[in-house]
Amino acid sequence: MVDVVTREQVKAGLADGSIALVDVREPHEFAAGHIPGSTSLPLSRFDPSQLPGDKRVVFVCRSGRRTLLAIEMSRLFGRADASTHYAGSMLDWAGAGEPIEY
């Protein structure tokens, strides 16, 4: 099962420190703009052992597709707890006019 969070839930989780937002886009995409507070862990060299264990892991990418791959890779590694994705991802975030960090 995949858990889905909304933009508002991402904002609340970042504000209260309860989530670790992991951006699985490639480095050049991350550098071109990302959600403030997110961490880059590109899917092309994704290593689930680098995921934090003390917070709820939420994956973000451009549209939500790569997040599902990261979740599957995490599960295969034994990280069933890393199963949440921000389905709208960067397209939703930017489309809503939310802040972007460069």
Protein backbone atom coordinates (compact mmCIF):
# COMPACT_ATOMS: atom_id res chain seq x y z
CA MET A 1 0.00 0.00 0.00
CA VAL A 2 1.17 3.50 -0.83
CA ASP A 3 0.25 6.42 1.39
CA VAL A 4 -0.49 9.70 -0.35
CA VAL A 5 -0.10 13.14 1.19
CA THR A 6 -1.41 16.46 -0.01
CA ARG A 7 0.46 19.73 -0.40
CA GLU A 8 -1.03 20.97 2.86
CA GLN A 9 0.15 17.84 4.68
CA VAL A 10 3.65 18.29 3.25
CA LYS A 11 3.71 21.91 4.39
CA ALA A 12 2.51 20.96 7.88
CA GLY A 13 5.01 18.09 8.17
CA LEU A 14 7.91 20.30 7.13
CA ALA A 15 6.80 23.03 9.52
CA ASP A 16 6.56 20.73 12.54
CA GLY A 17 9.54 18.56 11.58
CA SER A 18 7.58 15.32 11.43
CA ILE A 19 8.52 14.41 7.85
CA ALA A 20 11.68 13.99 5.84
CA LEU A 21 10.88 15.15 2.30
CA VAL A 22 13.11 13.21 -0.11
CA ASP A 23 13.37 14.52 -3.68
CA VAL A 24 14.26 11.69 -6.08
CA ARG A 25 14.74 13.86 -9.16
CA GLU A 26 18.17 14.13 -10.75
CA PRO A 27 20.70 16.67 -9.41
CA HIS A 28 20.17 19.14 -12.26
CA GLU A 29 16.41 19.07 -11.64
CA PHE A 30 16.89 19.61 -7.91
CA ALA A 31 19.28 22.51 -8.58
CA ALA A 32 16.73 24.10 -10.94
CA GLY A 33 14.27 24.38 -8.04
CA HIS A 34 13.06 22.28 -5.14
CA ILE A 35 10.77 22.42 -2.15
CA PRO A 36 12.51 24.19 0.75
CA GLY A 37 13.49 21.63 3.38
CA SER A 38 13.70 18.71 0.96
CA THR A 39 16.75 16.47 0.60
CA SER A 40 18.12 15.26 -2.72
CA LEU A 41 18.48 11.49 -3.19
CA PRO A 42 18.35 10.92 -6.98
CA LEU A 43 16.57 7.81 -8.20
CA SER A 44 19.46 7.02 -10.60
CA ARG A 45 21.67 6.28 -7.58
CA PHE A 46 18.99 5.69 -4.98
CA ASP A 47 20.16 3.92 -1.84
CA PRO A 48 17.40 3.23 0.70
CA SER A 49 20.02 2.88 3.45
CA GLN A 50 20.45 6.67 3.24
CA LEU A 51 16.82 7.32 4.20
CA PRO A 52 16.29 8.80 7.64
CA GLY A 53 14.80 6.47 10.19
CA ASP A 54 13.53 8.98 12.71
CA LYS A 55 10.85 10.73 10.62
CA ARG A 56 8.09 9.83 8.21
CA VAL A 57 9.71 9.66 4.77
CA VAL A 58 7.75 11.40 2.02
CA PHE A 59 8.99 11.17 -1.55
CA VAL A 60 8.68 13.95 -4.13
CA CYS A 61 9.69 14.15 -7.80
CA ARG A 62 8.35 16.10 -10.79
CA SER A 63 4.93 14.54 -11.19
CA GLY A 64 4.77 11.60 -8.76
CA ARG A 65 5.89 8.75 -10.99
CA ARG A 66 9.45 8.34 -9.74
CA THR A 67 8.26 8.49 -6.15
CA LEU A 68 6.44 5.21 -6.69
CA LEU A 69 9.66 3.62 -7.96
CA ALA A 70 11.53 4.89 -4.89
CA ILE A 71 8.84 3.39 -2.65
CA GLU A 72 9.15 0.03 -4.40
CA MET A 73 12.96 0.09 -4.11
CA SER A 74 12.66 0.99 -0.42
CA ARG A 75 10.32 -1.93 0.19
CA LEU A 76 12.69 -4.35 -1.54
CA PHE A 77 15.41 -3.07 0.79
CA GLY A 78 13.19 -3.74 3.81
CA ARG A 79 12.01 -0.19 4.43
CA ALA A 80 8.25 -0.76 4.37
CA ASP A 81 7.92 2.42 6.45
CA ALA A 82 9.09 4.51 3.46
CA SER A 83 5.82 4.27 1.57
CA THR A 84 4.47 7.82 1.35
CA HIS A 85 4.48 10.03 -1.66
CA TYR A 86 3.35 13.51 -2.52
CA ALA A 87 1.34 12.55 -5.59
CA GLY A 88 1.23 16.01 -7.15
CA SER A 89 4.92 16.53 -6.49
CA MET A 90 6.70 19.56 -7.97
CA LEU A 91 4.04 20.20 -10.62
CA ASP A 92 1.42 20.65 -7.90
CA TRP A 93 3.75 22.61 -5.60
CA ALA A 94 4.90 25.08 -8.26
CA GLY A 95 1.44 25.31 -9.81
CA ALA A 96 0.06 26.46 -6.46
CA GLY A 97 2.68 29.19 -6.21
CA GLU A 98 4.43 27.69 -3.20
CA PRO A 99 8.01 28.79 -2.46
CA ILE A 100 10.82 27.17 -4.41
CA GLU A 101 14.44 27.08 -3.32
CA TYR A 102 17.36 27.18 -5.75
